[in-house]
């Protein structure tokens, strides 16, 4: 059997974190078994489906690296196929026309609730012989008995068919319903495994009945537990961002989010960090738990920091460019960028944070912390700064080793410790008291900018009433 999985989002909004995990698990399962991964857009809700949402879904999947082998297919272009299947069920007398108006259905529903009965359709149109000339929907005739779902995650789940009611498969306006469309599509696209959120579990017995009525083989089902916030309620915006692309905008790496989502409900021993190839190799539905995954933003942030530390300077430099441009810096053609990234990535948790921390490398003017200037840029350090300007001017090539040598020569000559010189220099070239290592910072900043900033600091120290 060729494994074929699918991801079938509705284009009524952004790609949600929960949807992204469903797509990922389908993608991993297909890749693990060397199968096919199909993308299908379920856009039968014409009123709510938008081109912007379709683009958001495709952009999110592409950013995560979840490439599809077939599609995207669009349900809105397949209505004639669904209607033909409705005709088949009508011809087999496994479906029937229902002439009940929405108002009548709502009135019966209200009365049933008043009497304490479940508000199910009572099947009154099942045996109508003479079709009246009026609008109708088409309902599937649910047989008696029990329908059992052999779920690959949850185990055996049985449903009493009496509780299902005769459900609508074609609305009175001629549009097909979800349960019919998904069965026809999955059957015609030869989907072998339906892996989706467990909020779809109650639809599964209806779909199994439709598979059987249409003579299609029933696929394997696997219903993933929901993703919850840390307060154990359904994940929503109050728990943090729920859109995949929001994490891109915040400066997360796609590898980090993929790794995190994979571990949200699936495990492989105690291992936390996985390469993409490892995920494909080790993924199985047997190791997907039945309990809901708890979304932990701090753990995701930790994982993102891990990936930043272990990503090459060149790749990070390319990824950081859009964030710098948002901050008003265009680093195009700046050969220092990979070196600058190398000074920052040990501390940065996101690309956005890294870009913000890098601004002092690019700005012509230093934004000084006034209290740091008062504490460290004092007249008694003028001589040290003048010596440093002289020594650094002679360093060629301008490497960290040469920079350190210039510092050490002054420390030895003056009999002082590094802290006496390094911290004032840090304030002079960055404006702050915290930065990466002083030698690597100066190296990444470059000789010209470093000397220019040291001279500016000398001027401030000589000025008895400096303005910063």
Protein backbone atom coordinates (compact mmCIF):
# COMPACT_ATOMS: atom_id res chain seq x y z
CA UNK A 1 0.00 0.00 0.00
CA UNK A 2 1.26 3.47 -0.90
CA UNK A 3 0.78 5.83 2.02
CA UNK A 4 -1.09 8.96 0.99
CA UNK A 5 -1.93 11.66 3.52
CA UNK A 6 -3.49 15.08 3.12
CA UNK A 7 -3.84 18.44 4.79
CA UNK A 8 -7.20 20.05 4.06
CA UNK A 9 -7.55 23.52 5.64
CA UNK A 10 -10.50 25.87 5.22
CA UNK A 11 -9.31 29.26 3.89
CA UNK A 12 -11.19 31.40 6.38
CA UNK A 13 -8.18 32.83 8.22
CA UNK A 14 -4.47 32.39 8.85
CA UNK A 15 -2.65 29.07 9.26
CA UNK A 16 -3.25 28.29 12.94
CA UNK A 17 -0.63 26.59 15.11
CA UNK A 18 -2.98 23.60 15.50
CA UNK A 19 -3.47 23.36 11.74
CA UNK A 20 0.28 23.60 11.19
CA UNK A 21 0.87 20.69 13.57
CA UNK A 22 -1.76 18.62 11.72
CA UNK A 23 -0.04 19.43 8.42
CA UNK A 24 3.34 18.55 9.93
CA UNK A 25 2.20 15.16 11.25
CA UNK A 26 0.67 14.29 7.88
CA UNK A 27 3.84 15.43 6.11
CA UNK A 28 6.12 13.47 8.46
CA UNK A 29 4.01 10.32 8.18
CA UNK A 30 4.06 10.49 4.38
CA UNK A 31 7.79 11.20 4.24
CA UNK A 32 8.59 8.45 6.75
CA UNK A 33 6.76 5.88 4.61
CA UNK A 34 8.03 7.36 1.32
CA UNK A 35 4.45 8.16 0.41
CA UNK A 36 2.63 11.20 -0.96
CA UNK A 37 1.42 14.32 0.80
CA UNK A 38 -1.60 16.06 -0.74
CA UNK A 39 -2.76 19.64 -0.13
CA UNK A 40 -6.46 20.33 -0.53
CA UNK A 41 -8.20 23.64 0.12
CA UNK A 42 -11.71 23.10 1.49
CA UNK A 43 -13.28 26.31 0.23
CA UNK A 44 -16.92 25.26 -0.12
CA UNK A 45 -17.90 28.03 2.32
CA UNK A 46 -17.78 30.66 -0.41
CA UNK A 47 -18.92 33.48 1.87
CA UNK A 48 -16.02 33.04 4.32
CA UNK A 49 -13.25 31.74 2.03
CA UNK A 50 -10.83 34.40 0.80
CA UNK A 51 -7.81 34.61 -1.49
CA UNK A 52 -5.89 36.28 1.35
CA UNK A 53 -6.50 33.26 3.57
CA UNK A 54 -5.41 30.86 0.85
CA UNK A 55 -2.20 32.82 0.42
CA UNK A 56 -1.64 32.90 4.20
CA UNK A 57 -1.98 29.11 4.35
CA UNK A 58 0.37 28.50 1.44
CA UNK A 59 2.91 31.03 2.76
CA UNK A 60 2.85 29.41 6.20
CA UNK A 61 3.42 25.92 4.83
CA UNK A 62 6.20 27.08 2.53
CA UNK A 63 7.92 28.91 5.38
CA UNK A 64 7.77 25.75 7.53
CA UNK A 65 9.16 23.71 4.62
CA UNK A 66 6.09 21.45 4.36
CA UNK A 67 6.23 20.83 0.63
CA UNK A 68 3.31 18.98 -0.93
CA UNK A 69 3.44 16.39 -3.71
CA UNK A 70 0.00 17.09 -5.17
CA UNK A 71 -2.32 20.06 -5.19
CA UNK A 72 -3.46 22.40 -4.03
CA UNK A 73 -6.86 21.04 -5.04
CA UNK A 74 -9.87 23.30 -4.50
CA UNK A 75 -13.22 21.88 -3.45
CA UNK A 76 -15.04 24.85 -4.99
CA UNK A 77 -14.02 23.54 -8.41
CA UNK A 78 -15.35 20.03 -7.75
CA UNK A 79 -19.06 20.67 -7.08
CA UNK A 80 -20.23 18.63 -10.07
CA UNK A 81 -18.30 15.62 -8.77
CA UNK A 82 -20.04 15.87 -5.40
CA UNK A 83 -23.48 16.22 -6.97
CA UNK A 84 -22.91 13.07 -9.04
CA UNK A 85 -22.22 11.20 -5.83
CA UNK A 86 -25.45 12.57 -4.36
CA UNK A 87 -27.29 11.20 -7.41
CA UNK A 88 -25.67 7.80 -6.84
CA UNK A 89 -26.90 7.71 -3.24
CA UNK A 90 -30.39 8.80 -4.28
CA UNK A 91 -30.49 6.09 -6.96
CA UNK A 92 -29.44 3.48 -4.39
CA UNK A 93 -32.16 4.78 -2.06
CA UNK A 94 -29.51 5.47 0.54
CA UNK A 95 -30.39 9.15 0.56
CA UNK A 96 -33.65 11.06 0.16
CA UNK A 97 -35.01 14.51 -0.54
CA UNK A 98 -36.00 16.57 2.48
CA UNK A 99 -38.55 19.33 1.97
CA UNK A 100 -38.53 20.67 5.52
CA UNK A 101 -37.93 24.42 5.63
CA UNK A 102 -35.35 25.96 7.95
CA UNK A 103 -38.18 27.52 9.97
CA UNK A 104 -39.88 24.14 10.44
CA UNK A 105 -36.64 22.50 11.48
CA UNK A 106 -35.90 25.24 14.00
CA UNK A 107 -39.40 24.99 15.50
CA UNK A 108 -39.09 21.21 15.94
CA UNK A 109 -35.64 21.66 17.43
CA UNK A 110 -36.99 24.18 19.94
CA UNK A 111 -39.85 21.89 20.99
CA UNK A 112 -37.53 18.89 21.37
CA UNK A 113 -35.25 20.86 23.69
CA UNK A 114 -38.27 22.03 25.71
CA UNK A 115 -39.34 18.41 26.22
CA UNK A 116 -35.83 17.31 27.14
CA UNK A 117 -35.22 15.37 23.93
CA UNK A 118 -32.06 15.60 21.81
CA UNK A 119 -32.78 17.96 18.88
CA UNK A 120 -32.38 15.39 16.07
CA UNK A 121 -34.11 15.29 12.70
CA UNK A 122 -37.10 12.95 12.95
CA UNK A 123 -36.84 11.45 9.44
CA UNK A 124 -40.33 12.53 8.40
CA UNK A 125 -39.33 12.98 4.73
CA UNK A 126 -37.84 9.46 4.43
CA UNK A 127 -40.93 7.87 2.88
CA UNK A 128 -42.38 10.67 0.77
CA UNK A 129 -43.46 9.06 -2.51
CA UNK A 130 -44.75 12.01 -4.54
CA UNK A 131 -42.10 14.69 -4.75
CA UNK A 132 -43.65 18.13 -4.24
CA UNK A 133 -42.56 20.95 -6.50
CA UNK A 134 -40.58 22.89 -3.91
CA UNK A 135 -36.96 23.36 -2.81
CA UNK A 136 -35.32 20.41 -1.09
CA UNK A 137 -32.14 19.33 0.62
CA UNK A 138 -30.76 15.80 0.38
CA UNK A 139 -30.25 13.74 3.54
CA UNK A 140 -28.25 10.56 3.98
CA UNK A 141 -30.31 7.72 5.41
CA UNK A 142 -28.42 6.54 8.49
CA UNK A 143 -28.88 2.78 8.98
CA UNK A 144 -29.58 1.17 12.32
CA UNK A 145 -26.76 -0.28 14.37
CA UNK A 146 -23.37 0.87 15.57
CA UNK A 147 -20.46 2.41 13.70
CA UNK A 148 -16.99 1.76 15.07
CA UNK A 149 -13.90 3.85 14.41
CA UNK A 150 -10.64 1.92 14.71
CA UNK A 151 -8.54 4.94 15.55
CA UNK A 152 -4.75 4.60 15.33
CA UNK A 153 -4.27 6.96 18.29
CA UNK A 154 -7.40 6.68 20.43
CA UNK A 155 -8.13 3.00 19.84
CA UNK A 156 -11.66 1.69 19.20
CA UNK A 157 -14.45 4.26 19.48
CA UNK A 158 -18.06 3.17 18.85
CA UNK A 159 -21.07 5.33 18.00
CA UNK A 160 -24.75 4.43 18.20
CA UNK A 161 -26.18 5.29 14.78
CA UNK A 162 -29.41 6.36 16.41
CA UNK A 163 -27.57 9.39 17.77
CA UNK A 164 -26.34 10.49 14.34
CA UNK A 165 -29.68 11.45 12.70
CA UNK A 166 -30.16 11.57 8.92
CA UNK A 167 -27.65 14.28 8.07
CA UNK A 168 -27.74 16.68 5.12
CA UNK A 169 -25.30 15.97 2.27
CA UNK A 170 -26.67 18.56 -0.19
CA UNK A 171 -28.20 21.86 0.91
CA UNK A 172 -31.35 23.28 -0.64
CA UNK A 173 -29.21 25.85 -2.51
CA UNK A 174 -27.37 23.01 -4.25
CA UNK A 175 -24.11 23.23 -2.30
CA UNK A 176 -22.64 20.00 -0.88
CA UNK A 177 -21.80 19.68 2.81
CA UNK A 178 -18.50 18.99 4.48
CA UNK A 179 -19.05 15.32 5.29
CA UNK A 180 -19.88 14.41 1.70
CA UNK A 181 -17.09 16.50 0.15
CA UNK A 182 -14.39 15.13 2.40
CA UNK A 183 -15.38 11.51 1.76
CA UNK A 184 -15.55 11.94 -2.02
CA UNK A 185 -12.24 13.79 -2.11
CA UNK A 186 -10.39 11.41 0.18
CA UNK A 187 -11.70 8.44 -1.80
CA UNK A 188 -10.93 9.87 -5.23
CA UNK A 189 -7.52 11.10 -4.11
CA UNK A 190 -6.84 7.63 -2.63
CA UNK A 191 -5.97 8.96 0.82
CA UNK A 192 -4.82 5.99 2.89
CA UNK A 193 -4.54 7.72 6.28
CA UNK A 194 -6.74 10.57 7.54
CA UNK A 195 -4.71 12.30 10.27
CA UNK A 196 -6.56 15.25 11.79
CA UNK A 197 -7.59 16.92 15.04
CA UNK A 198 -9.89 15.06 17.40
CA UNK A 199 -12.49 17.82 17.02
CA UNK A 200 -13.37 15.90 13.82
CA UNK A 201 -13.94 12.60 15.62
CA UNK A 202 -17.72 13.04 15.82
CA UNK A 203 -17.84 13.43 12.04
CA UNK A 204 -15.98 10.18 11.44
CA UNK A 205 -18.88 7.70 11.88
CA UNK A 206 -20.94 9.70 9.37
CA UNK A 207 -18.06 9.59 6.94
CA UNK A 208 -17.50 5.86 7.42
CA UNK A 209 -21.18 5.28 6.58
CA UNK A 210 -20.77 7.35 3.42
CA UNK A 211 -17.64 5.44 2.36
CA UNK A 212 -19.53 2.18 2.69
CA UNK A 213 -22.66 3.47 0.95
CA UNK A 214 -20.59 4.67 -2.01
CA UNK A 215 -18.59 1.45 -2.16
CA UNK A 216 -15.25 3.08 -1.29
CA UNK A 217 -12.61 1.51 0.98
CA UNK A 218 -12.49 3.14 4.41
CA UNK A 219 -9.10 4.79 5.15
CA UNK A 220 -7.24 4.54 8.42
CA UNK A 221 -8.12 7.29 10.88
CA UNK A 222 -5.88 8.96 13.45
CA UNK A 223 -7.30 11.79 15.56
CA UNK A 224 -4.74 14.07 17.17
CA UNK A 225 -5.38 15.50 20.64
CA UNK A 226 -6.03 19.22 20.80
CA UNK A 227 -3.41 21.82 21.65
CA UNK A 228 -4.22 23.66 24.87
CA UNK A 229 -2.85 26.75 26.55
CA UNK A 230 -1.05 26.50 29.85
CA UNK A 231 -4.35 27.05 31.65
CA UNK A 232 -5.65 23.84 29.99
CA UNK A 233 -8.16 25.71 27.83
CA UNK A 234 -8.25 25.61 24.04
CA UNK A 235 -5.32 27.50 22.53
CA UNK A 236 -6.27 31.08 21.64
CA UNK A 237 -4.73 34.51 21.23
CA UNK A 238 -4.73 35.10 24.97
CA UNK A 239 -2.05 32.38 25.24
CA UNK A 240 0.17 34.16 22.69
CA UNK A 241 0.32 34.19 18.92
CA UNK A 242 -1.67 31.43 17.22
CA UNK A 243 -0.77 32.30 13.61
CA UNK A 244 2.24 30.56 12.10
CA UNK A 245 3.33 33.68 10.22
CA UNK A 246 3.18 35.73 13.42
CA UNK A 247 6.10 33.65 14.67
CA UNK A 248 8.03 34.45 11.50
CA UNK A 249 7.35 38.14 12.10
CA UNK A 250 8.55 37.82 15.72
CA UNK A 251 11.85 36.37 14.54
CA UNK A 252 11.48 32.65 15.11
CA UNK A 253 13.27 30.19 12.85
CA UNK A 254 11.07 27.74 10.91
CA UNK A 255 13.23 24.79 12.04
CA UNK A 256 12.57 25.73 15.67
CA UNK A 257 8.79 25.90 15.21
CA UNK A 258 8.75 22.61 13.28
CA UNK A 259 10.77 20.91 16.02
CA UNK A 260 8.49 22.33 18.71
CA UNK A 261 5.25 21.37 16.97
CA UNK A 262 6.54 17.85 16.37
CA UNK A 263 7.12 17.41 20.10
CA UNK A 264 3.67 18.79 20.92
CA UNK A 265 1.92 15.45 21.33
CA UNK A 266 4.63 13.16 19.90
CA UNK A 267 7.74 11.89 21.64
CA UNK A 268 10.82 9.81 21.02
CA UNK A 269 12.28 8.92 24.38
CA UNK A 270 13.65 12.01 26.13
CA UNK A 271 15.03 13.61 22.98
CA UNK A 272 13.95 17.24 22.56
CA UNK A 273 15.96 18.53 19.59
CA UNK A 274 15.54 16.89 16.20
CA UNK A 275 16.84 17.72 12.76
CA UNK A 276 14.29 17.51 9.96
CA UNK A 277 15.81 14.25 8.74
CA UNK A 278 15.62 12.80 12.26
CA UNK A 279 11.95 13.71 12.52
CA UNK A 280 11.21 11.93 9.25
CA UNK A 281 13.20 8.88 10.31
CA UNK A 282 11.74 8.53 13.80
CA UNK A 283 8.13 9.73 13.41
CA UNK A 284 5.32 7.24 14.02
CA UNK A 285 1.70 7.43 15.08
CA UNK A 286 2.40 4.86 17.81
CA UNK A 287 4.32 7.55 19.71
CA UNK A 288 1.57 10.16 19.50
CA UNK A 289 -0.07 10.47 22.90
CA UNK A 290 -3.78 10.65 23.66
CA UNK A 291 -3.43 13.62 26.01
CA UNK A 292 -3.68 17.20 24.80
CA UNK A 293 -0.43 19.01 24.10
CA UNK A 294 0.23 22.05 26.29
CA UNK A 295 1.62 25.01 24.38
CA UNK A 296 4.55 26.47 26.30
CA UNK A 297 5.89 29.74 24.79
CA UNK A 298 8.99 29.65 27.01
CA UNK A 299 10.00 26.24 25.73
CA UNK A 300 9.53 27.38 22.15
CA UNK A 301 11.68 30.43 22.86
CA UNK A 302 14.38 28.20 24.39
CA UNK A 303 14.30 25.98 21.32
CA UNK A 304 14.51 29.00 19.03
CA UNK A 305 17.56 30.25 20.90
CA UNK A 306 19.14 26.81 20.50
CA UNK A 307 18.60 26.91 16.75
CA UNK A 308 19.95 30.45 16.47
CA UNK A 309 23.14 29.38 18.25
CA UNK A 310 23.55 26.41 15.94
CA UNK A 311 22.76 28.12 12.64
CA UNK A 312 25.61 29.44 10.49
CA UNK A 313 26.38 33.16 10.60
CA UNK A 314 25.79 33.39 6.86
CA UNK A 315 22.28 31.91 7.06
CA UNK A 316 21.35 34.03 10.07
CA UNK A 317 22.65 37.15 8.34
CA UNK A 318 20.33 36.53 5.40
CA UNK A 319 17.36 35.87 7.69
CA UNK A 320 18.03 39.00 9.74
CA UNK A 321 17.99 41.42 6.77
CA UNK A 322 14.17 41.96 6.73
CA UNK A 323 14.20 42.76 10.45
CA UNK A 324 16.97 45.32 9.99
CA UNK A 325 15.09 46.95 7.12
CA UNK A 326 12.02 47.24 9.35
CA UNK A 327 14.23 49.11 11.82
CA UNK A 328 15.41 51.51 9.11
CA UNK A 329 18.73 49.84 8.29
CA UNK A 330 19.54 48.49 4.83
CA UNK A 331 22.55 46.19 5.23
CA UNK A 332 22.69 45.29 1.53
CA UNK A 333 26.28 44.83 0.47
CA UNK A 334 27.62 45.14 4.02
CA UNK A 335 30.21 42.37 4.22
CA UNK A 336 30.36 42.72 8.01
CA UNK A 337 26.90 41.24 8.53
CA UNK A 338 27.87 37.57 9.12
CA UNK A 339 30.60 38.73 11.52
CA UNK A 340 28.14 41.00 13.33
CA UNK A 341 25.68 38.11 13.66
CA UNK A 342 28.46 35.99 15.12
CA UNK A 343 28.90 38.46 17.99
CA UNK A 344 25.19 38.42 18.87
CA UNK A 345 23.80 34.93 18.33
CA UNK A 346 24.94 33.45 21.66
CA UNK A 347 22.61 35.79 23.54
CA UNK A 348 19.76 36.38 21.10
CA UNK A 349 16.48 34.49 21.46
CA UNK A 350 14.87 35.75 18.22
CA UNK A 351 15.99 37.31 14.95
CA UNK A 352 14.04 40.45 15.86
CA UNK A 353 15.89 40.73 19.17
CA UNK A 354 19.20 40.17 17.36
CA UNK A 355 18.41 42.89 14.82
CA UNK A 356 17.54 45.37 17.57
CA UNK A 357 20.75 44.54 19.44
CA UNK A 358 22.82 45.07 16.28
CA UNK A 359 21.72 48.64 15.54
CA UNK A 360 24.81 50.23 17.08
CA UNK A 361 26.91 48.52 14.40
CA UNK A 362 25.11 50.40 11.62
CA UNK A 363 24.11 53.80 12.99
CA UNK A 364 26.35 56.79 12.26
CA UNK A 365 25.63 58.26 15.69
CA UNK A 366 25.81 56.33 18.95
CA UNK A 367 22.77 56.56 21.22
CA UNK A 368 24.47 56.93 24.58
CA UNK A 369 23.12 55.81 27.91
CA UNK A 370 23.60 59.08 29.85
CA UNK A 371 24.33 57.40 33.19
CA UNK A 372 26.94 55.15 31.52
CA UNK A 373 28.66 58.18 29.98
CA UNK A 374 28.85 59.93 33.35
CA UNK A 375 30.28 56.85 35.01
CA UNK A 376 32.78 55.66 32.42
CA UNK A 377 33.65 58.45 29.98
CA UNK A 378 35.56 60.55 32.51
CA UNK A 379 38.54 62.88 31.90
CA UNK A 380 41.00 60.54 33.63
CA UNK A 381 40.57 58.07 30.75
CA UNK A 382 41.42 60.48 27.94
CA UNK A 383 45.06 59.39 27.80
CA UNK A 384 44.06 55.71 27.60
CA UNK A 385 41.66 56.41 24.75
CA UNK A 386 44.24 58.45 22.83
CA UNK A 387 46.74 55.62 23.19
CA UNK A 388 44.13 53.11 22.02
CA UNK A 389 43.31 55.20 18.93
CA UNK A 390 47.02 55.26 18.08
CA UNK A 391 47.52 51.50 18.59
CA UNK A 392 44.34 50.43 16.78
CA UNK A 393 45.23 52.65 13.81
CA UNK A 394 48.29 50.49 13.32
CA UNK A 395 46.52 47.12 13.49
CA UNK A 396 46.53 45.51 10.07
CA UNK A 397 44.75 43.27 9.26
CA UNK A 398 42.05 44.35 11.71
CA UNK A 399 41.56 40.98 13.42
CA UNK A 400 40.46 40.14 16.94
CA UNK A 401 44.00 38.95 17.71
CA UNK A 402 45.47 42.27 16.56
CA UNK A 403 42.85 44.23 18.49
CA UNK A 404 43.55 42.27 21.65
CA UNK A 405 47.27 42.87 21.16
CA UNK A 406 46.69 46.63 21.00
CA UNK A 407 44.73 46.49 24.27
CA UNK A 408 47.31 44.29 26.01
CA UNK A 409 50.17 46.61 25.09
CA UNK A 410 48.38 49.50 26.84
CA UNK A 411 47.45 47.39 29.88
CA UNK A 412 51.07 46.26 30.30
CA UNK A 413 52.40 49.76 29.76
CA UNK A 414 50.05 51.35 32.27
CA UNK A 415 49.84 48.45 34.72
CA UNK A 416 46.05 48.30 34.71
CA UNK A 417 43.44 45.57 34.36
CA UNK A 418 41.36 45.05 31.22
CA UNK A 419 38.16 46.21 32.96
CA UNK A 420 39.66 49.68 33.45
CA UNK A 421 39.86 50.15 29.68
CA UNK A 422 37.31 47.73 28.20
CA UNK A 423 34.16 49.01 29.89
CA UNK A 424 34.68 52.68 28.96
CA UNK A 425 35.48 51.59 25.39
CA UNK A 426 32.31 49.52 25.32
CA UNK A 427 30.27 52.58 26.28
CA UNK A 428 32.11 54.69 23.71
CA UNK A 429 31.43 52.40 20.75
CA UNK A 430 28.00 50.95 21.65
CA UNK A 431 26.49 53.56 23.96
CA UNK A 432 25.72 50.83 26.52
CA UNK A 433 27.44 48.92 29.30
CA UNK A 434 26.50 45.53 27.88
CA UNK A 435 27.66 44.10 24.56
CA UNK A 436 29.33 41.01 23.14
CA UNK A 437 33.04 40.54 23.90
CA UNK A 438 34.92 43.79 23.40
CA UNK A 439 37.46 42.41 20.91
CA UNK A 440 34.88 40.69 18.72
CA UNK A 441 32.62 43.75 18.89
CA UNK A 442 35.40 46.07 17.71
CA UNK A 443 36.35 43.57 15.01
CA UNK A 444 32.80 43.42 13.67
CA UNK A 445 32.34 47.20 13.94
CA UNK A 446 35.45 47.81 11.85
CA UNK A 447 38.49 50.03 12.22
CA UNK A 448 37.07 53.23 10.76
CA UNK A 449 33.88 53.25 12.83
CA UNK A 450 35.69 52.21 16.01
CA UNK A 451 38.28 54.98 15.78
CA UNK A 452 35.63 57.55 14.89
CA UNK A 453 33.59 56.62 17.97
CA UNK A 454 36.63 56.64 20.24
CA UNK A 455 37.48 60.16 19.05
CA UNK A 456 33.89 61.25 19.71
CA UNK A 457 34.21 59.85 23.23
CA UNK A 458 37.47 61.76 23.75
CA UNK A 459 35.66 64.95 22.79
CA UNK A 460 32.91 64.18 25.29
CA UNK A 461 35.47 63.58 28.04
CA UNK A 462 37.20 66.88 27.28
CA UNK A 463 33.90 68.77 27.30
CA UNK A 464 33.08 69.96 30.80
CA UNK A 465 29.36 70.11 29.95
CA UNK A 466 28.83 67.30 27.39
CA UNK A 467 25.54 66.75 25.57
CA UNK A 468 24.75 63.15 24.71
